[in-house]
Amino acid sequence: YQCNPKQEAPVIVHADCSFLLPLNYPGTVEVRLFAGQAGRSSLPTFYELRLQGDEKLHAEGSAKIVWINPASGKSVSLPESLRRLAAG
């Protein structure tokens, strides 16, 4: 999905991450991203971080993304195409 930043923009309103195991250098981190159930103007997302080649969960996190109108700073409805992508 590509947005027009003059008309709409995503804003992260909450983010967290819990580190469960060390992520040591050198190493390549694999991030798995999952979308939750979309609200009117928001989309919850969830993350899992693993070292490439290692199935152990090293960190997990989440972020809530809200769609806004940059001119007004107010929330707007999620674009329908993004809503369909998130639904799978």
N, C-alpha and C. Protein backbone atom coordinates (compact mmCIF):
# COMPACT_ATOMS: atom_id res chain seq x y z
N TYR A 1 0.84 -1.17 0.00
CA TYR A 1 0.00 0.00 0.00
C TYR A 1 0.88 1.24 0.00
N GLN A 2 0.55 2.21 -0.81
CA GLN A 2 1.28 3.48 -0.86
C GLN A 2 0.29 4.62 -0.65
N CYS A 3 0.59 5.50 0.30
CA CYS A 3 -0.35 6.59 0.59
C CYS A 3 0.14 7.90 0.00
N ASN A 4 -0.78 8.85 -0.11
CA ASN A 4 -0.46 10.21 -0.53
C ASN A 4 -0.23 11.02 0.75
N PRO A 5 1.02 11.35 1.09
CA PRO A 5 1.31 11.99 2.38
C PRO A 5 0.68 13.37 2.57
N LYS A 6 0.16 13.97 1.51
CA LYS A 6 -0.54 15.26 1.68
C LYS A 6 -1.97 15.05 2.13
N GLN A 7 -2.51 13.85 1.90
CA GLN A 7 -3.91 13.57 2.25
C GLN A 7 -4.06 12.63 3.43
N GLU A 8 -3.10 11.73 3.60
CA GLU A 8 -3.19 10.73 4.66
C GLU A 8 -1.81 10.29 5.07
N ALA A 9 -1.69 9.85 6.32
CA ALA A 9 -0.39 9.40 6.81
C ALA A 9 -0.58 8.48 8.01
N PRO A 10 0.27 7.46 8.14
CA PRO A 10 0.22 6.62 9.33
C PRO A 10 1.05 7.25 10.45
N VAL A 11 0.55 7.13 11.68
CA VAL A 11 1.26 7.62 12.86
C VAL A 11 1.28 6.49 13.89
N ILE A 12 2.44 6.20 14.44
CA ILE A 12 2.53 5.20 15.51
C ILE A 12 2.16 5.89 16.81
N VAL A 13 1.08 5.43 17.44
CA VAL A 13 0.63 6.05 18.69
C VAL A 13 1.04 5.25 19.92
N HIS A 14 1.45 4.02 19.72
CA HIS A 14 1.94 3.20 20.83
C HIS A 14 2.87 2.14 20.26
N ALA A 15 3.96 1.87 20.96
CA ALA A 15 4.88 0.81 20.54
C ALA A 15 5.53 0.22 21.78
N ASP A 16 5.77 -1.09 21.74
CA ASP A 16 6.50 -1.73 22.84
C ASP A 16 7.27 -2.93 22.30
N CYS A 17 8.29 -3.31 23.05
CA CYS A 17 9.09 -4.47 22.68
C CYS A 17 9.63 -5.11 23.95
N SER A 18 9.48 -6.41 24.05
CA SER A 18 10.03 -7.18 25.17
C SER A 18 11.14 -8.06 24.63
N PHE A 19 12.35 -7.86 25.15
CA PHE A 19 13.49 -8.67 24.73
C PHE A 19 13.57 -9.89 25.63
N LEU A 20 13.53 -11.07 25.03
CA LEU A 20 13.49 -12.32 25.77
C LEU A 20 14.83 -13.02 25.80
N LEU A 21 15.59 -12.91 24.73
CA LEU A 21 16.93 -13.49 24.61
C LEU A 21 17.83 -12.48 23.92
N PRO A 22 19.14 -12.54 24.16
CA PRO A 22 20.04 -11.58 23.51
C PRO A 22 20.04 -11.76 21.99
N LEU A 23 20.16 -10.64 21.29
CA LEU A 23 20.37 -10.62 19.84
C LEU A 23 21.81 -10.15 19.65
N ASN A 24 22.71 -11.10 19.48
CA ASN A 24 24.14 -10.78 19.45
C ASN A 24 24.65 -10.51 18.05
N TYR A 25 25.63 -9.63 17.97
CA TYR A 25 26.33 -9.33 16.73
C TYR A 25 27.49 -10.30 16.59
N PRO A 26 27.82 -10.81 15.44
CA PRO A 26 27.11 -10.63 14.18
C PRO A 26 25.91 -11.57 14.10
N GLY A 27 24.94 -11.18 13.37
CA GLY A 27 23.75 -11.99 13.17
C GLY A 27 22.73 -11.21 12.37
N THR A 28 21.89 -11.93 11.69
CA THR A 28 20.82 -11.31 10.91
C THR A 28 19.51 -11.54 11.64
N VAL A 29 18.80 -10.47 11.93
CA VAL A 29 17.53 -10.57 12.64
C VAL A 29 16.39 -10.71 11.62
N GLU A 30 15.55 -11.69 11.86
CA GLU A 30 14.35 -11.90 11.04
C GLU A 30 13.16 -11.35 11.82
N VAL A 31 12.40 -10.46 11.20
CA VAL A 31 11.22 -9.86 11.84
C VAL A 31 9.98 -10.39 11.14
N ARG A 32 9.09 -10.98 11.91
CA ARG A 32 7.81 -11.43 11.38
C ARG A 32 6.74 -10.45 11.85
N LEU A 33 5.98 -9.94 10.92
CA LEU A 33 4.97 -8.92 11.20
C LEU A 33 3.58 -9.49 10.97
N PHE A 34 2.69 -9.25 11.92
CA PHE A 34 1.30 -9.71 11.83
C PHE A 34 0.39 -8.51 12.06
N ALA A 35 -0.70 -8.45 11.34
CA ALA A 35 -1.69 -7.40 11.53
C ALA A 35 -2.86 -7.95 12.33
N GLY A 36 -3.35 -7.15 13.27
CA GLY A 36 -4.53 -7.52 14.03
C GLY A 36 -5.78 -7.03 13.32
N GLN A 37 -6.88 -7.05 14.04
CA GLN A 37 -8.16 -6.62 13.46
C GLN A 37 -8.19 -5.10 13.37
N ALA A 38 -8.44 -4.61 12.18
CA ALA A 38 -8.46 -3.17 11.94
C ALA A 38 -9.66 -2.53 12.62
N GLY A 39 -9.43 -1.34 13.16
CA GLY A 39 -10.51 -0.51 13.67
C GLY A 39 -10.92 0.49 12.60
N ARG A 40 -11.67 1.50 12.97
CA ARG A 40 -12.09 2.49 11.99
C ARG A 40 -10.89 3.23 11.41
N SER A 41 -9.98 3.67 12.28
CA SER A 41 -8.83 4.46 11.82
C SER A 41 -7.50 3.87 12.28
N SER A 42 -7.53 2.73 12.95
CA SER A 42 -6.30 2.18 13.51
C SER A 42 -6.08 0.73 13.10
N LEU A 43 -4.81 0.34 13.18
CA LEU A 43 -4.42 -1.02 12.86
C LEU A 43 -3.39 -1.48 13.89
N PRO A 44 -3.73 -2.50 14.69
CA PRO A 44 -2.73 -3.04 15.60
C PRO A 44 -1.79 -3.98 14.84
N THR A 45 -0.51 -3.91 15.15
CA THR A 45 0.48 -4.78 14.52
C THR A 45 1.29 -5.48 15.60
N PHE A 46 1.78 -6.66 15.28
CA PHE A 46 2.52 -7.48 16.24
C PHE A 46 3.78 -8.00 15.55
N TYR A 47 4.86 -8.11 16.31
CA TYR A 47 6.16 -8.45 15.76
C TYR A 47 6.80 -9.58 16.54
N GLU A 48 7.53 -10.44 15.84
CA GLU A 48 8.37 -11.47 16.45
C GLU A 48 9.76 -11.33 15.85
N LEU A 49 10.77 -11.30 16.70
CA LEU A 49 12.15 -11.18 16.24
C LEU A 49 12.91 -12.45 16.58
N ARG A 50 13.57 -13.00 15.58
CA ARG A 50 14.38 -14.21 15.73
C ARG A 50 15.70 -13.99 15.01
N LEU A 51 16.72 -14.72 15.43
CA LEU A 51 17.95 -14.73 14.65
C LEU A 51 17.73 -15.66 13.47
N GLN A 52 18.19 -15.25 12.31
CA GLN A 52 18.02 -16.07 11.11
C GLN A 52 18.60 -17.45 11.35
N GLY A 53 17.83 -18.47 11.05
CA GLY A 53 18.27 -19.85 11.24
C GLY A 53 17.99 -20.39 12.63
N ASP A 54 17.42 -19.58 13.52
CA ASP A 54 17.12 -19.99 14.89
C ASP A 54 15.64 -19.71 15.15
N GLU A 55 14.88 -20.73 15.46
CA GLU A 55 13.44 -20.55 15.66
C GLU A 55 13.09 -20.01 17.04
N LYS A 56 14.07 -19.87 17.94
CA LYS A 56 13.77 -19.33 19.27
C LYS A 56 13.34 -17.87 19.16
N LEU A 57 12.31 -17.52 19.91
CA LEU A 57 11.81 -16.15 19.94
C LEU A 57 12.74 -15.31 20.81
N HIS A 58 13.34 -14.28 20.22
CA HIS A 58 14.29 -13.42 20.93
C HIS A 58 13.63 -12.15 21.44
N ALA A 59 12.61 -11.68 20.75
CA ALA A 59 11.89 -10.48 21.18
C ALA A 59 10.51 -10.48 20.54
N GLU A 60 9.58 -9.80 21.21
CA GLU A 60 8.24 -9.66 20.66
C GLU A 60 7.74 -8.26 20.99
N GLY A 61 6.94 -7.73 20.09
CA GLY A 61 6.47 -6.38 20.30
C GLY A 61 5.17 -6.11 19.57
N SER A 62 4.70 -4.89 19.76
CA SER A 62 3.47 -4.48 19.09
C SER A 62 3.51 -2.99 18.84
N ALA A 63 2.68 -2.55 17.94
CA ALA A 63 2.54 -1.12 17.66
C ALA A 63 1.11 -0.87 17.19
N LYS A 64 0.55 0.24 17.62
CA LYS A 64 -0.77 0.65 17.13
C LYS A 64 -0.55 1.82 16.19
N ILE A 65 -1.04 1.66 14.97
CA ILE A 65 -0.87 2.67 13.94
C ILE A 65 -2.23 3.31 13.66
N VAL A 66 -2.27 4.62 13.67
CA VAL A 66 -3.50 5.36 13.39
C VAL A 66 -3.31 6.16 12.11
N TRP A 67 -4.31 6.12 11.25
CA TRP A 67 -4.28 6.88 10.00
C TRP A 67 -4.81 8.28 10.29
N ILE A 68 -4.09 9.31 9.82
CA ILE A 68 -4.51 10.69 10.07
C ILE A 68 -4.50 11.51 8.79
N ASN A 69 -5.17 12.64 8.85
CA ASN A 69 -5.07 13.68 7.83
C ASN A 69 -3.99 14.63 8.33
N PRO A 70 -2.85 14.75 7.64
CA PRO A 70 -1.76 15.59 8.13
C PRO A 70 -2.13 17.06 8.31
N ALA A 71 -3.03 17.57 7.49
CA ALA A 71 -3.40 18.99 7.59
C ALA A 71 -4.18 19.28 8.87
N SER A 72 -5.10 18.38 9.22
CA SER A 72 -5.93 18.61 10.40
C SER A 72 -5.38 17.95 11.65
N GLY A 73 -4.54 16.91 11.46
CA GLY A 73 -4.04 16.15 12.59
C GLY A 73 -5.07 15.20 13.18
N LYS A 74 -6.21 15.06 12.52
CA LYS A 74 -7.29 14.21 13.03
C LYS A 74 -7.28 12.85 12.33
N SER A 75 -7.79 11.86 13.05
CA SER A 75 -7.84 10.52 12.48
C SER A 75 -8.84 10.46 11.33
N VAL A 76 -8.53 9.58 10.38
CA VAL A 76 -9.41 9.33 9.24
C VAL A 76 -9.57 7.82 9.11
N SER A 77 -10.57 7.40 8.37
CA SER A 77 -10.80 5.97 8.16
C SER A 77 -9.62 5.34 7.44
N LEU A 78 -9.32 4.10 7.83
CA LEU A 78 -8.28 3.35 7.12
C LEU A 78 -8.70 3.20 5.67
N PRO A 79 -7.76 3.33 4.74
CA PRO A 79 -8.09 3.08 3.34
C PRO A 79 -8.58 1.64 3.16
N GLU A 80 -9.58 1.46 2.33
CA GLU A 80 -10.17 0.14 2.13
C GLU A 80 -9.15 -0.86 1.61
N SER A 81 -8.24 -0.44 0.74
CA SER A 81 -7.24 -1.37 0.21
C SER A 81 -6.30 -1.85 1.32
N LEU A 82 -5.96 -1.00 2.26
CA LEU A 82 -5.12 -1.39 3.40
C LEU A 82 -5.90 -2.33 4.33
N ARG A 83 -7.15 -2.04 4.53
CA ARG A 83 -8.01 -2.89 5.36
C ARG A 83 -8.07 -4.31 4.78
N ARG A 84 -8.19 -4.42 3.45
CA ARG A 84 -8.21 -5.74 2.80
C ARG A 84 -6.88 -6.45 2.96
N LEU A 85 -5.77 -5.72 2.80
CA LEU A 85 -4.44 -6.32 2.98
C LEU A 85 -4.28 -6.87 4.39
N ALA A 86 -4.70 -6.11 5.38
CA ALA A 86 -4.56 -6.52 6.77
C ALA A 86 -5.43 -7.73 7.09
N ALA A 87 -6.57 -7.85 6.42
CA ALA A 87 -7.48 -8.97 6.66
C ALA A 87 -6.95 -10.27 6.08
N GLY A 88 -5.97 -10.17 5.17
CA GLY A 88 -5.36 -11.36 4.60
C GLY A 88 -6.05 -11.81 3.38
